[in-house]
Amino acid sequence: MAPGSIAVEPGLFPASTRMVRFVFPDLTGPAASPIEAATPAPVCPVAAEPAFGEEELARAMAWAAARADAAARRAMAA
């Protein structure tokens, strides 16, 4: 072991680590008045997630499979 180094047992740290990032608001600007702080921000509508039916999904999967098959045949021919 090199001078100045320490020995660490393998069981001291978990096998996986998880990093968490905290984002804090910028507090360097002028302070808001109590009335401004109490006023809620306007609610923005959230866009709905796209939804696909069974037929659309099957058609997309068949199209992707046909493209992959054609690409594989071109690769084998080359």
C-alpha atoms as a PDB file:
ATOM      1  CA  MET A   1       0.000   0.000   0.000  1.00  0.00           C
ATOM      2  CA  ALA A   2       1.268   3.477  -0.885  1.00  0.00           C
ATOM      3  CA  PRO A   3       2.139   5.850   1.921  1.00  0.00           C
ATOM      4  CA  GLY A   4      -0.768   8.101   2.858  1.00  0.00           C
ATOM      5  CA  SER A   5      -3.423   5.700   1.502  1.00  0.00           C
ATOM      6  CA  ILE A   6      -6.065   3.918   3.511  1.00  0.00           C
ATOM      7  CA  ALA A   7      -7.596   0.470   3.155  1.00  0.00           C
ATOM      8  CA  VAL A   8     -11.335   0.352   2.520  1.00  0.00           C
ATOM      9  CA  GLU A   9     -13.361  -2.774   3.104  1.00  0.00           C
ATOM     10  CA  PRO A  10     -15.437  -3.836   0.058  1.00  0.00           C
ATOM     11  CA  GLY A  11     -18.627  -4.101   2.127  1.00  0.00           C
ATOM     12  CA  LEU A  12     -18.345  -0.503   3.308  1.00  0.00           C
ATOM     13  CA  PHE A  13     -20.021   0.927   0.206  1.00  0.00           C
ATOM     14  CA  PRO A  14     -23.185  -0.359  -1.510  1.00  0.00           C
ATOM     15  CA  ALA A  15     -22.880  -2.178  -4.816  1.00  0.00           C
ATOM     16  CA  SER A  16     -24.704   0.601  -6.644  1.00  0.00           C
ATOM     17  CA  THR A  17     -24.967   4.277  -5.938  1.00  0.00           C
ATOM     18  CA  ARG A  18     -27.718   6.696  -6.752  1.00  0.00           C
ATOM     19  CA  MET A  19     -27.029  10.343  -7.437  1.00  0.00           C
ATOM     20  CA  VAL A  20     -29.658  12.974  -6.694  1.00  0.00           C
ATOM     21  CA  ARG A  21     -29.427  16.495  -8.061  1.00  0.00           C
ATOM     22  CA  PHE A  22     -31.218  19.291  -6.256  1.00  0.00           C
ATOM     23  CA  VAL A  23     -32.105  22.471  -8.134  1.00  0.00           C
ATOM     24  CA  PHE A  24     -32.822  25.456  -5.950  1.00  0.00           C
ATOM     25  CA  PRO A  25     -34.416  28.714  -7.087  1.00  0.00           C
ATOM     26  CA  ASP A  26     -32.230  31.759  -7.586  1.00  0.00           C
ATOM     27  CA  LEU A  27     -32.639  33.779  -4.384  1.00  0.00           C
ATOM     28  CA  THR A  28     -30.190  36.559  -5.274  1.00  0.00           C
ATOM     29  CA  GLY A  29     -32.876  38.840  -6.787  1.00  0.00           C
ATOM     30  CA  PRO A  30     -35.153  41.214  -4.876  1.00  0.00           C
ATOM     31  CA  ALA A  31     -37.414  39.616  -2.308  1.00  0.00           C
ATOM     32  CA  ALA A  32     -41.067  39.236  -3.280  1.00  0.00           C
ATOM     33  CA  SER A  33     -43.691  40.928  -1.192  1.00  0.00           C
ATOM     34  CA  PRO A  34     -45.934  38.650   0.921  1.00  0.00           C
ATOM     35  CA  ILE A  35     -48.836  39.317  -1.465  1.00  0.00           C
ATOM     36  CA  GLU A  36     -46.778  38.297  -4.524  1.00  0.00           C
ATOM     37  CA  ALA A  37     -45.535  35.216  -2.710  1.00  0.00           C
ATOM     38  CA  ALA A  38     -49.101  34.193  -1.801  1.00  0.00           C
ATOM     39  CA  THR A  39     -50.431  34.569  -5.369  1.00  0.00           C
ATOM     40  CA  PRO A  40     -50.276  31.171  -7.096  1.00  0.00           C
ATOM     41  CA  ALA A  41     -48.796  30.920 -10.552  1.00  0.00           C
ATOM     42  CA  PRO A  42     -51.294  30.329 -13.379  1.00  0.00           C
ATOM     43  CA  VAL A  43     -51.844  26.685 -14.200  1.00  0.00           C
ATOM     44  CA  CYS A  44     -50.650  25.696 -17.652  1.00  0.00           C
ATOM     45  CA  PRO A  45     -52.526  22.857 -19.349  1.00  0.00           C
ATOM     46  CA  VAL A  46     -50.553  19.664 -19.748  1.00  0.00           C
ATOM     47  CA  ALA A  47     -50.546  18.025 -23.157  1.00  0.00           C
ATOM     48  CA  ALA A  48     -52.058  14.555 -23.156  1.00  0.00           C
ATOM     49  CA  GLU A  49     -49.736  11.689 -23.929  1.00  0.00           C
ATOM     50  CA  PRO A  50     -50.344  10.117 -27.312  1.00  0.00           C
ATOM     51  CA  ALA A  51     -52.400   6.946 -27.222  1.00  0.00           C
ATOM     52  CA  PHE A  52     -52.384   4.307 -29.914  1.00  0.00           C
ATOM     53  CA  GLY A  53     -54.967   1.656 -30.647  1.00  0.00           C
ATOM     54  CA  GLU A  54     -54.218  -2.013 -31.231  1.00  0.00           C
ATOM     55  CA  GLU A  55     -54.578  -1.672 -35.015  1.00  0.00           C
ATOM     56  CA  GLU A  56     -52.211   1.295 -35.200  1.00  0.00           C
ATOM     57  CA  LEU A  57     -49.667  -0.502 -33.053  1.00  0.00           C
ATOM     58  CA  ALA A  58     -49.884  -3.685 -35.143  1.00  0.00           C
ATOM     59  CA  ARG A  59     -49.516  -1.684 -38.371  1.00  0.00           C
ATOM     60  CA  ALA A  60     -46.431   0.141 -37.023  1.00  0.00           C
ATOM     61  CA  MET A  61     -44.852  -3.103 -35.832  1.00  0.00           C
ATOM     62  CA  ALA A  62     -45.475  -4.787 -39.207  1.00  0.00           C
ATOM     63  CA  TRP A  63     -43.968  -1.792 -41.023  1.00  0.00           C
ATOM     64  CA  ALA A  64     -40.854  -1.892 -38.789  1.00  0.00           C
ATOM     65  CA  ALA A  65     -40.498  -5.656 -39.246  1.00  0.00           C
ATOM     66  CA  ALA A  66     -40.735  -5.298 -43.047  1.00  0.00           C
ATOM     67  CA  ARG A  67     -38.064  -2.556 -43.030  1.00  0.00           C
ATOM     68  CA  ALA A  68     -35.769  -4.685 -40.851  1.00  0.00           C
ATOM     69  CA  ASP A  69     -36.313  -7.712 -43.091  1.00  0.00           C
ATOM     70  CA  ALA A  70     -35.519  -5.691 -46.232  1.00  0.00           C
ATOM     71  CA  ALA A  71     -32.376  -4.251 -44.613  1.00  0.00           C
ATOM     72  CA  ALA A  72     -31.234  -7.733 -43.564  1.00  0.00           C
ATOM     73  CA  ARG A  73     -31.786  -9.083 -47.097  1.00  0.00           C
ATOM     74  CA  ARG A  74     -29.776  -6.183 -48.592  1.00  0.00           C
ATOM     75  CA  ALA A  75     -26.980  -6.811 -46.083  1.00  0.00           C
ATOM     76  CA  MET A  76     -26.886 -10.544 -46.910  1.00  0.00           C
ATOM     77  CA  ALA A  77     -26.838  -9.816 -50.655  1.00  0.00           C
ATOM     78  CA  ALA A  78     -23.920  -7.369 -50.308  1.00  0.00           C
END
